């Protein structure tokens, strides 16, 4: 990939639209790229609006994620047929040829190269003065995933209507789960040095944001060059003046230590919300998946967490239809989920990804069984969610308010990840206030904002 010395300077304001698929890490990275374009004079517009440039940041965890990305590419081209279309991220890394077959795509950049997108456009011209549509997309993949070294993390501080920011502190994964394609497109584990995290967090606080969500591919494995671990990141940020909330994204159960749980419980500005990927409730299937825990360890982590934080929110990813999963295995998963105090599940079906060991296994589960098991778990998740929300009724919870619909109501999140709605009061936007929870309405809690700064439950 040739080095470009000068970034593209748009002649007049150009409109760029972003769309992100996948995890919170992808959202954080889109924010980083968006910040780059905003700094260079671009106008950020909605993905459904006409634009000069569309940037689609992709996920490739499942075939469904790939399909959604292709649909969004075609939708963007229907809105603005002459727009320059750049497709970036994990799907672009994993299968650039499939994306290149879509007529109208101009540039394809992998998981590492997407952060050089602004520089790439410095070599492009359209209509003689901006960019030139490519008859054949140019695929830019400068290195193999195993050679990845960069740790880009610069969240945009101009997210209208947002009160919290995802801060990427880790990338890549050294785990070798048999079903997962992500290590091959993200590379080995690497970490943003702790001083840089503190610097980014301070800028976020200085710009008025109340909450930071720490995110990564495998956040729990955070280890920087000085030996700092995730617990050191949380402890350091929890002492940062003005930072009112820290929330952890997904952390693997084998990385959730007792010390980290105690720190979360002890620090009032660390959210009592845990997302611990489960994947399956059968130890036999967990072994075939090459997960680094079994159900006994998962149960121990949850037990310790709820002894320290009785009203914590607990979420999990659960996969159905892994090769060889029997009805008995699935029953064990349902029973395990029933046993523990989950507040929500992310349910998804196994997707056969070429290049993973699981793709070579026999005993593939038929699509009808996938669908049936997914439905059962989603219904179980809905019931668990309602039970969790019902337990909040009568409590006082601190809520970070967002704009809501801008007219009739505000909504926001509690520390333990429950959505709360109150009548519209614009002065409360981006404020954390105690709310007396009075009832549940479907997936929301409803309450009254208290004038006194009472201690939330």
Protein backbone atom coordinates (compact mmCIF):
# COMPACT_ATOMS: atom_id res chain seq x y z
CA UNK A 1 0.00 0.00 0.00
CA UNK A 2 1.62 3.28 -1.04
CA UNK A 3 2.13 5.90 1.65
CA UNK A 4 0.05 9.00 1.10
CA UNK A 5 1.63 12.09 2.56
CA UNK A 6 -1.35 14.44 2.43
CA UNK A 7 -4.92 13.74 3.45
CA UNK A 8 -7.76 14.62 1.08
CA UNK A 9 -9.14 18.12 1.54
CA UNK A 10 -12.69 18.31 0.15
CA UNK A 11 -13.52 21.14 -2.26
CA UNK A 12 -16.59 22.39 -0.43
CA UNK A 13 -18.49 20.44 2.21
CA UNK A 14 -19.02 16.81 1.24
CA UNK A 15 -21.63 14.58 2.81
CA UNK A 16 -20.59 11.25 4.28
CA UNK A 17 -22.89 8.62 5.76
CA UNK A 18 -21.87 5.74 8.00
CA UNK A 19 -23.53 2.44 8.80
CA UNK A 20 -22.20 -0.03 11.36
CA UNK A 21 -22.91 -3.72 11.72
CA UNK A 22 -21.94 -5.93 14.63
CA UNK A 23 -20.51 -5.34 18.06
CA UNK A 24 -19.93 -2.32 20.26
CA UNK A 25 -16.28 -2.42 19.17
CA UNK A 26 -17.37 -1.78 15.59
CA UNK A 27 -19.47 1.13 16.81
CA UNK A 28 -16.43 2.55 18.57
CA UNK A 29 -14.31 2.18 15.46
CA UNK A 30 -16.91 3.84 13.26
CA UNK A 31 -16.87 6.73 15.73
CA UNK A 32 -13.09 6.95 15.30
CA UNK A 33 -13.38 7.07 11.50
CA UNK A 34 -16.28 9.52 11.70
CA UNK A 35 -14.15 11.79 13.85
CA UNK A 36 -11.43 11.77 11.18
CA UNK A 37 -13.87 12.84 8.47
CA UNK A 38 -15.50 15.48 10.66
CA UNK A 39 -12.07 16.95 11.41
CA UNK A 40 -11.44 17.27 7.66
CA UNK A 41 -14.58 19.24 6.93
CA UNK A 42 -17.09 16.54 5.97
CA UNK A 43 -20.76 16.80 6.91
CA UNK A 44 -21.98 13.62 8.62
CA UNK A 45 -25.47 12.66 7.40
CA UNK A 46 -27.87 9.83 8.10
CA UNK A 47 -27.36 6.57 6.21
CA UNK A 48 -30.82 6.97 4.64
CA UNK A 49 -29.99 10.42 3.26
CA UNK A 50 -28.34 11.25 -0.08
CA UNK A 51 -24.56 11.41 0.34
CA UNK A 52 -21.37 11.81 -1.64
CA UNK A 53 -19.68 9.00 0.27
CA UNK A 54 -21.05 5.95 2.06
CA UNK A 55 -18.87 4.05 4.52
CA UNK A 56 -20.20 0.67 5.59
CA UNK A 57 -18.37 -0.94 8.51
CA UNK A 58 -19.09 -4.66 8.42
CA UNK A 59 -19.26 -7.70 10.68
CA UNK A 60 -18.73 -11.31 9.61
CA UNK A 61 -19.65 -13.33 12.69
CA UNK A 62 -22.47 -15.05 10.77
CA UNK A 63 -23.70 -15.47 7.20
CA UNK A 64 -26.66 -13.30 8.20
CA UNK A 65 -24.28 -10.44 9.08
CA UNK A 66 -22.71 -10.74 5.61
CA UNK A 67 -26.14 -10.70 3.97
CA UNK A 68 -27.20 -7.59 5.89
CA UNK A 69 -24.06 -5.78 4.76
CA UNK A 70 -24.71 -6.61 1.10
CA UNK A 71 -28.28 -5.36 1.44
CA UNK A 72 -27.10 -2.07 2.95
CA UNK A 73 -24.57 -1.55 0.16
CA UNK A 74 -27.29 -1.94 -2.45
CA UNK A 75 -29.64 0.32 -0.49
CA UNK A 76 -27.02 3.10 -0.35
CA UNK A 77 -26.49 2.85 -4.10
CA UNK A 78 -30.23 3.10 -4.72
CA UNK A 79 -30.35 6.32 -2.68
CA UNK A 80 -27.27 7.87 -4.38
CA UNK A 81 -26.22 5.88 -7.46
CA UNK A 82 -23.20 8.10 -8.10
CA UNK A 83 -21.91 8.07 -4.54
CA UNK A 84 -18.50 6.66 -3.70
CA UNK A 85 -19.00 3.48 -1.65
CA UNK A 86 -16.34 2.15 0.72
CA UNK A 87 -16.90 -1.18 2.47
CA UNK A 88 -14.62 -1.81 5.43
CA UNK A 89 -14.14 -4.09 8.41
CA UNK A 90 -14.32 -7.79 9.18
CA UNK A 91 -16.48 -8.96 6.24
CA UNK A 92 -14.27 -6.94 3.91
CA UNK A 93 -11.25 -8.67 5.43
CA UNK A 94 -12.75 -12.16 5.29
CA UNK A 95 -14.36 -12.17 1.84
CA UNK A 96 -13.43 -9.09 -0.25
CA UNK A 97 -14.19 -10.93 -3.49
CA UNK A 98 -17.83 -11.39 -2.55
CA UNK A 99 -18.15 -7.67 -1.87
CA UNK A 100 -16.28 -6.77 -5.07
CA UNK A 101 -18.93 -8.62 -7.07
CA UNK A 102 -21.50 -5.99 -6.10
CA UNK A 103 -21.74 -3.41 -8.87
CA UNK A 104 -21.07 0.09 -7.53
CA UNK A 105 -18.60 -0.67 -4.73
CA UNK A 106 -15.46 1.45 -5.07
CA UNK A 107 -13.12 0.60 -2.23
CA UNK A 108 -12.76 -2.38 0.10
CA UNK A 109 -10.59 -2.13 3.20
CA UNK A 110 -9.95 -4.77 5.84
CA UNK A 111 -10.09 -4.57 9.61
CA UNK A 112 -6.71 -2.83 9.89
CA UNK A 113 -6.76 -0.64 6.79
CA UNK A 114 -10.13 0.97 7.44
CA UNK A 115 -8.43 3.56 9.63
CA UNK A 116 -6.47 4.76 6.57
CA UNK A 117 -9.65 5.39 4.60
CA UNK A 118 -9.32 9.16 4.62
CA UNK A 119 -5.81 8.89 3.19
CA UNK A 120 -6.97 6.39 0.57
CA UNK A 121 -9.46 8.92 -0.74
CA UNK A 122 -6.60 11.32 -1.36
CA UNK A 123 -5.79 9.28 -4.46
CA UNK A 124 -9.33 9.15 -5.77
CA UNK A 125 -11.15 11.62 -7.99
CA UNK A 126 -14.85 11.64 -8.83
CA UNK A 127 -16.34 13.81 -11.54
CA UNK A 128 -12.95 15.39 -12.10
CA UNK A 129 -12.70 17.09 -8.73
CA UNK A 130 -13.55 14.70 -5.94
CA UNK A 131 -13.49 10.93 -6.57
CA UNK A 132 -13.68 8.67 -9.59
CA UNK A 133 -16.01 5.69 -9.47
CA UNK A 134 -13.97 2.54 -9.95
CA UNK A 135 -15.18 0.13 -12.66
CA UNK A 136 -13.58 -2.58 -10.53
CA UNK A 137 -13.26 -2.04 -6.77
CA UNK A 138 -9.76 -1.64 -5.43
CA UNK A 139 -9.11 -4.12 -2.63
CA UNK A 140 -6.64 -2.80 -0.08
CA UNK A 141 -5.42 -5.46 2.37
CA UNK A 142 -1.91 -4.50 3.35
CA UNK A 143 -1.10 -7.25 5.85
CA UNK A 144 -2.19 -10.61 7.17
CA UNK A 145 -4.29 -10.66 10.32
CA UNK A 146 -1.45 -12.24 12.26
CA UNK A 147 0.73 -9.19 11.57
CA UNK A 148 -1.71 -6.62 12.94
CA UNK A 149 -0.13 -4.17 15.34
CA UNK A 150 -2.19 -0.98 15.37
CA UNK A 151 -4.54 0.11 18.16
CA UNK A 152 -6.70 2.91 16.74
CA UNK A 153 -8.99 4.48 19.32
CA UNK A 154 -10.16 8.07 18.94
CA UNK A 155 -13.87 8.36 19.76
CA UNK A 156 -15.75 11.19 18.13
CA UNK A 157 -16.81 13.82 20.65
CA UNK A 158 -19.58 15.23 18.45
CA UNK A 159 -22.27 12.54 18.65
CA UNK A 160 -25.53 14.50 18.69
CA UNK A 161 -28.04 13.13 21.17
CA UNK A 162 -25.58 10.71 22.73
CA UNK A 163 -24.67 10.76 26.40
CA UNK A 164 -22.14 7.93 26.50
CA UNK A 165 -19.19 6.88 24.37
CA UNK A 166 -17.63 3.53 23.51
CA UNK A 167 -13.90 3.62 24.19
CA UNK A 168 -11.90 0.88 22.47
CA UNK A 169 -9.13 -0.33 24.76
CA UNK A 170 -8.32 -3.71 23.20
CA UNK A 171 -8.34 -5.42 19.81
CA UNK A 172 -7.73 -8.92 18.47
CA UNK A 173 -8.08 -12.28 20.18
CA UNK A 174 -5.70 -15.09 21.14
CA UNK A 175 -8.47 -17.52 21.98
CA UNK A 176 -9.14 -20.30 19.52
CA UNK A 177 -12.84 -21.08 19.80
CA UNK A 178 -13.65 -23.63 17.14
CA UNK A 179 -16.61 -21.69 15.68
CA UNK A 180 -15.14 -18.19 15.57
CA UNK A 181 -13.73 -16.45 12.49
CA UNK A 182 -12.88 -13.22 14.31
CA UNK A 183 -9.23 -14.00 15.28
CA UNK A 184 -8.42 -14.52 11.60
CA UNK A 185 -9.81 -11.10 10.64
CA UNK A 186 -8.86 -9.13 13.76
CA UNK A 187 -5.46 -10.63 14.53
CA UNK A 188 -3.72 -11.30 17.82
CA UNK A 189 -4.68 -9.59 21.06
CA UNK A 190 -3.27 -6.11 21.66
CA UNK A 191 -4.03 -3.25 24.01
CA UNK A 192 -4.15 0.53 24.06
CA UNK A 193 -1.59 1.65 26.68
CA UNK A 194 -3.19 2.75 29.93
CA UNK A 195 -1.87 6.36 29.73
CA UNK A 196 -3.56 6.74 26.33
CA UNK A 197 -6.80 5.37 27.75
CA UNK A 198 -6.67 7.93 30.55
CA UNK A 199 -5.96 10.69 28.02
CA UNK A 200 -8.92 9.66 25.86
CA UNK A 201 -11.16 9.37 28.90
CA UNK A 202 -10.21 12.83 30.10
CA UNK A 203 -11.09 14.31 26.71
CA UNK A 204 -14.45 12.54 26.83
CA UNK A 205 -15.16 13.94 30.30
CA UNK A 206 -14.02 17.43 29.25
CA UNK A 207 -16.54 17.30 26.40
CA UNK A 208 -19.42 16.67 28.78
CA UNK A 209 -20.07 12.96 28.39
CA UNK A 210 -21.22 11.12 31.50
CA UNK A 211 -20.53 7.49 30.66
CA UNK A 212 -17.71 5.55 29.01
CA UNK A 213 -18.23 1.98 27.81
CA UNK A 214 -14.95 0.07 27.70
CA UNK A 215 -14.91 -2.24 24.70
CA UNK A 216 -12.71 -4.61 22.70
CA UNK A 217 -12.75 -7.91 20.83
CA UNK A 218 -11.81 -9.77 24.02
CA UNK A 219 -11.82 -6.97 26.60
CA UNK A 220 -11.05 -9.20 29.56
CA UNK A 221 -7.66 -10.15 28.10
CA UNK A 222 -6.47 -6.52 28.16
CA UNK A 223 -2.72 -6.44 28.85
CA UNK A 224 -0.61 -3.47 27.84
CA UNK A 225 3.16 -3.30 27.45
CA UNK A 226 3.59 -2.20 31.08
CA UNK A 227 1.66 -5.18 32.40
CA UNK A 228 -1.55 -3.31 33.20
CA UNK A 229 -4.66 -5.49 33.09
CA UNK A 230 -8.37 -4.72 32.83
CA UNK A 231 -8.69 -4.33 36.59
CA UNK A 232 -6.00 -1.62 36.46
CA UNK A 233 -7.90 0.20 33.73
CA UNK A 234 -11.14 0.15 35.72
CA UNK A 235 -9.44 1.18 38.96
CA UNK A 236 -7.59 4.06 37.30
CA UNK A 237 -10.61 5.40 35.42
CA UNK A 238 -12.87 5.09 38.45
CA UNK A 239 -10.65 7.67 40.16
CA UNK A 240 -10.79 10.08 37.21
CA UNK A 241 -12.43 13.30 38.38
CA UNK A 242 -15.68 14.04 36.57
CA UNK A 243 -16.20 10.56 35.12
CA UNK A 244 -19.60 9.61 36.47
CA UNK A 245 -20.02 6.18 34.90
CA UNK A 246 -17.85 3.35 33.60
CA UNK A 247 -19.51 0.37 31.97
CA UNK A 248 -17.79 -2.83 30.87
CA UNK A 249 -18.80 -4.45 27.61
CA UNK A 250 -18.55 -8.22 27.19
CA UNK A 251 -15.97 -9.99 29.39
CA UNK A 252 -15.27 -13.72 29.07
CA UNK A 253 -16.20 -15.70 32.23
CA UNK A 254 -12.65 -17.03 32.63
CA UNK A 255 -11.38 -13.43 32.79
CA UNK A 256 -13.88 -12.18 35.36
CA UNK A 257 -11.84 -12.53 38.54
CA UNK A 258 -13.09 -12.16 42.11
CA UNK A 259 -10.89 -9.06 42.49
CA UNK A 260 -12.47 -7.44 39.44
CA UNK A 261 -15.96 -8.23 40.71
CA UNK A 262 -15.13 -6.69 44.10
CA UNK A 263 -13.79 -3.57 42.40
CA UNK A 264 -16.97 -3.21 40.34
CA UNK A 265 -19.05 -3.60 43.49
CA UNK A 266 -16.95 -1.15 45.52
CA UNK A 267 -16.71 1.76 43.06
CA UNK A 268 -19.96 3.75 42.84
CA UNK A 269 -19.20 5.01 39.32
CA UNK A 270 -18.69 1.51 37.87
CA UNK A 271 -21.94 0.08 36.52
CA UNK A 272 -23.28 -3.10 38.08
CA UNK A 273 -23.92 -4.58 34.67
CA UNK A 274 -22.11 -7.72 33.52
CA UNK A 275 -22.20 -9.29 30.08
CA UNK A 276 -20.68 -12.78 30.33
CA UNK A 277 -20.79 -14.82 27.09
CA UNK A 278 -22.22 -18.27 27.81
CA UNK A 279 -22.63 -19.79 24.31
CA UNK A 280 -24.01 -23.09 25.65
CA UNK A 281 -25.21 -24.73 28.85
CA UNK A 282 -23.85 -28.17 27.97
CA UNK A 283 -20.29 -28.91 29.07
CA UNK A 284 -19.97 -31.37 26.18
CA UNK A 285 -20.70 -28.65 23.64
CA UNK A 286 -18.53 -26.10 25.46
CA UNK A 287 -15.68 -28.58 25.06
CA UNK A 288 -16.31 -28.94 21.34
CA UNK A 289 -16.43 -25.17 21.08
CA UNK A 290 -13.05 -24.97 22.87
CA UNK A 291 -14.43 -22.50 25.38
CA UNK A 292 -12.13 -21.81 28.34
CA UNK A 293 -14.68 -22.53 31.07
CA UNK A 294 -17.42 -24.98 31.93
CA UNK A 295 -20.81 -24.41 33.51
CA UNK A 296 -19.48 -24.85 37.06
CA UNK A 297 -17.05 -21.96 36.60
CA UNK A 298 -19.72 -19.79 34.99
CA UNK A 299 -22.06 -20.52 37.87
CA UNK A 300 -19.35 -19.61 40.40
CA UNK A 301 -18.72 -16.24 38.73
CA UNK A 302 -22.42 -15.39 38.73
CA UNK A 303 -22.83 -16.50 42.36
CA UNK A 304 -19.94 -14.31 43.47
CA UNK A 305 -21.24 -11.37 41.42
CA UNK A 306 -24.71 -11.49 42.97
CA UNK A 307 -23.39 -11.91 46.49
CA UNK A 308 -21.57 -8.61 45.96
CA UNK A 309 -24.21 -6.93 43.76
CA UNK A 310 -27.66 -8.43 44.44
CA UNK A 311 -29.41 -6.19 41.90
CA UNK A 312 -26.87 -6.46 39.09
CA UNK A 313 -27.88 -6.80 35.45
CA UNK A 314 -26.58 -9.97 33.79
CA UNK A 315 -26.52 -10.58 30.05
CA UNK A 316 -25.12 -13.39 27.92
CA UNK A 317 -24.60 -14.54 24.35
CA UNK A 318 -26.10 -17.96 23.68
CA UNK A 319 -25.60 -19.97 20.49
CA UNK A 320 -27.98 -22.62 19.21
CA UNK A 321 -27.31 -25.30 16.62
CA UNK A 322 -23.58 -25.89 17.09
CA UNK A 323 -22.58 -29.08 15.20
CA UNK A 324 -23.57 -32.11 17.23
CA UNK A 325 -25.87 -30.21 19.62
CA UNK A 326 -28.57 -32.71 20.60
CA UNK A 327 -31.96 -32.10 22.14
CA UNK A 328 -30.43 -33.12 25.47
CA UNK A 329 -27.66 -30.50 25.07
CA UNK A 330 -30.23 -27.84 24.26
CA UNK A 331 -32.33 -28.84 27.28
CA UNK A 332 -29.26 -28.38 29.47
CA UNK A 333 -28.81 -24.90 28.06
CA UNK A 334 -32.43 -23.98 28.81
CA UNK A 335 -32.17 -25.38 32.34
CA UNK A 336 -28.93 -23.50 32.97
CA UNK A 337 -30.47 -20.23 31.78
CA UNK A 338 -33.52 -20.87 33.96
CA UNK A 339 -31.29 -21.42 36.98
CA UNK A 340 -29.36 -18.14 36.82
CA UNK A 341 -30.65 -14.54 37.21
CA UNK A 342 -30.12 -13.37 33.62
CA UNK A 343 -31.69 -10.05 32.68
CA UNK A 344 -31.35 -10.60 28.92
CA UNK A 345 -29.86 -12.96 26.32
CA UNK A 346 -28.38 -12.34 22.89
CA UNK A 347 -29.52 -15.46 21.06
CA UNK A 348 -27.98 -16.38 17.72
CA UNK A 349 -27.73 -19.47 15.56
CA UNK A 350 -24.49 -21.21 14.65
CA UNK A 351 -23.17 -20.10 11.27
CA UNK A 352 -20.74 -22.32 9.40
CA UNK A 353 -17.69 -20.15 8.65
CA UNK A 354 -15.04 -21.47 6.30
CA UNK A 355 -11.64 -21.42 7.94
CA UNK A 356 -12.91 -22.46 11.36
CA UNK A 357 -12.51 -25.95 12.79
CA UNK A 358 -16.22 -26.23 13.49
CA UNK A 359 -16.94 -25.93 9.78
CA UNK A 360 -15.28 -29.31 9.24
CA UNK A 361 -17.33 -31.09 11.89
CA UNK A 362 -20.09 -33.45 10.95
CA UNK A 363 -23.51 -33.54 12.58
CA UNK A 364 -24.59 -30.16 11.26
CA UNK A 365 -27.93 -29.18 12.80
CA UNK A 366 -30.74 -28.63 10.31
CA UNK A 367 -32.17 -25.10 9.81
CA UNK A 368 -35.60 -26.02 11.18
CA UNK A 369 -34.03 -27.11 14.49
CA UNK A 370 -31.98 -23.90 14.52
CA UNK A 371 -35.17 -21.89 14.18
CA UNK A 372 -37.09 -23.85 16.81
CA UNK A 373 -34.32 -23.67 19.42
CA UNK A 374 -33.74 -19.98 18.75
CA UNK A 375 -37.44 -19.26 19.26
CA UNK A 376 -37.51 -21.15 22.57
CA UNK A 377 -34.50 -19.27 23.93
CA UNK A 378 -35.76 -15.89 22.74
CA UNK A 379 -39.03 -16.49 24.57
CA UNK A 380 -37.09 -17.49 27.65
CA UNK A 381 -35.02 -14.31 27.32
CA UNK A 382 -38.18 -12.17 27.14
CA UNK A 383 -39.51 -13.76 30.31
CA UNK A 384 -36.18 -13.29 32.09
CA UNK A 385 -36.13 -9.66 31.01
CA UNK A 386 -39.62 -9.03 32.35
CA UNK A 387 -38.73 -10.69 35.66
CA UNK A 388 -35.64 -8.52 35.97
CA UNK A 389 -37.56 -5.34 35.18
CA UNK A 390 -40.32 -6.28 37.60
CA UNK A 391 -37.71 -6.58 40.35
CA UNK A 392 -36.82 -2.92 39.78
CA UNK A 393 -40.32 -1.65 40.52
CA UNK A 394 -40.39 0.20 43.82
CA UNK A 395 -36.66 0.92 43.76
CA UNK A 396 -34.83 4.19 43.26
CA UNK A 397 -32.42 3.97 40.33
CA UNK A 398 -29.99 6.53 38.93
CA UNK A 399 -30.72 7.12 35.25
CA UNK A 400 -28.56 8.77 32.59
CA UNK A 401 -31.09 10.53 30.39
CA UNK A 402 -31.07 10.68 26.58
CA UNK A 403 -33.34 12.83 24.36
CA UNK A 404 -36.08 10.21 23.93
CA UNK A 405 -38.54 11.25 21.21
CA UNK A 406 -37.68 14.92 21.74
CA UNK A 407 -41.28 15.86 22.54
CA UNK A 408 -43.21 13.68 24.96
CA UNK A 409 -40.69 11.58 26.86
CA UNK A 410 -37.07 11.12 27.87
CA UNK A 411 -35.50 7.75 28.33
CA UNK A 412 -32.20 6.52 29.64
CA UNK A 413 -30.26 3.66 31.20
CA UNK A 414 -29.77 2.62 34.78
CA UNK A 415 -26.40 1.38 35.94
CA UNK A 416 -27.67 -2.21 35.82
CA UNK A 417 -28.91 -1.75 32.24
CA UNK A 418 -32.62 -1.19 32.48
CA UNK A 419 -34.35 1.31 30.19
CA UNK A 420 -36.35 3.99 32.03
CA UNK A 421 -38.85 6.44 30.55
CA UNK A 422 -40.14 9.69 32.12
CA UNK A 423 -42.14 12.69 30.82
CA UNK A 424 -40.12 15.00 28.60
CA UNK A 425 -37.94 17.47 30.53
CA UNK A 426 -35.19 18.79 28.24
CA UNK A 427 -33.08 20.10 31.12
CA UNK A 428 -32.47 16.49 32.20
CA UNK A 429 -30.78 15.41 28.95
CA UNK A 430 -27.26 14.16 29.67
CA UNK A 431 -27.92 14.33 33.42
CA UNK A 432 -27.85 11.47 35.91
CA UNK A 433 -30.83 11.69 38.27
CA UNK A 434 -32.52 9.39 40.79
CA UNK A 435 -35.83 7.99 39.59
CA UNK A 436 -38.48 6.30 41.68
CA UNK A 437 -39.56 3.31 39.57
CA UNK A 438 -43.33 2.88 39.65
CA UNK A 439 -44.10 0.24 37.03
CA UNK A 440 -42.99 -1.72 34.01
CA UNK A 441 -44.45 -1.15 30.55
CA UNK A 442 -43.27 -3.87 28.16
CA UNK A 443 -39.48 -3.41 27.83
CA UNK A 444 -39.40 -0.09 29.70
CA UNK A 445 -39.58 1.01 33.29
CA UNK A 446 -41.63 4.10 34.12
CA UNK A 447 -40.90 6.38 37.03
CA UNK A 448 -40.74 9.80 38.61
CA UNK A 449 -37.60 11.92 38.75
CA UNK A 450 -36.78 12.79 42.35
CA UNK A 451 -35.69 16.27 43.26
CA UNK A 452 -33.51 15.15 46.11
CA UNK A 453 -30.27 13.34 45.30
CA UNK A 454 -31.25 10.14 47.05
CA UNK A 455 -28.96 7.12 47.00
CA UNK A 456 -30.13 4.77 44.28
CA UNK A 457 -30.70 1.09 44.96
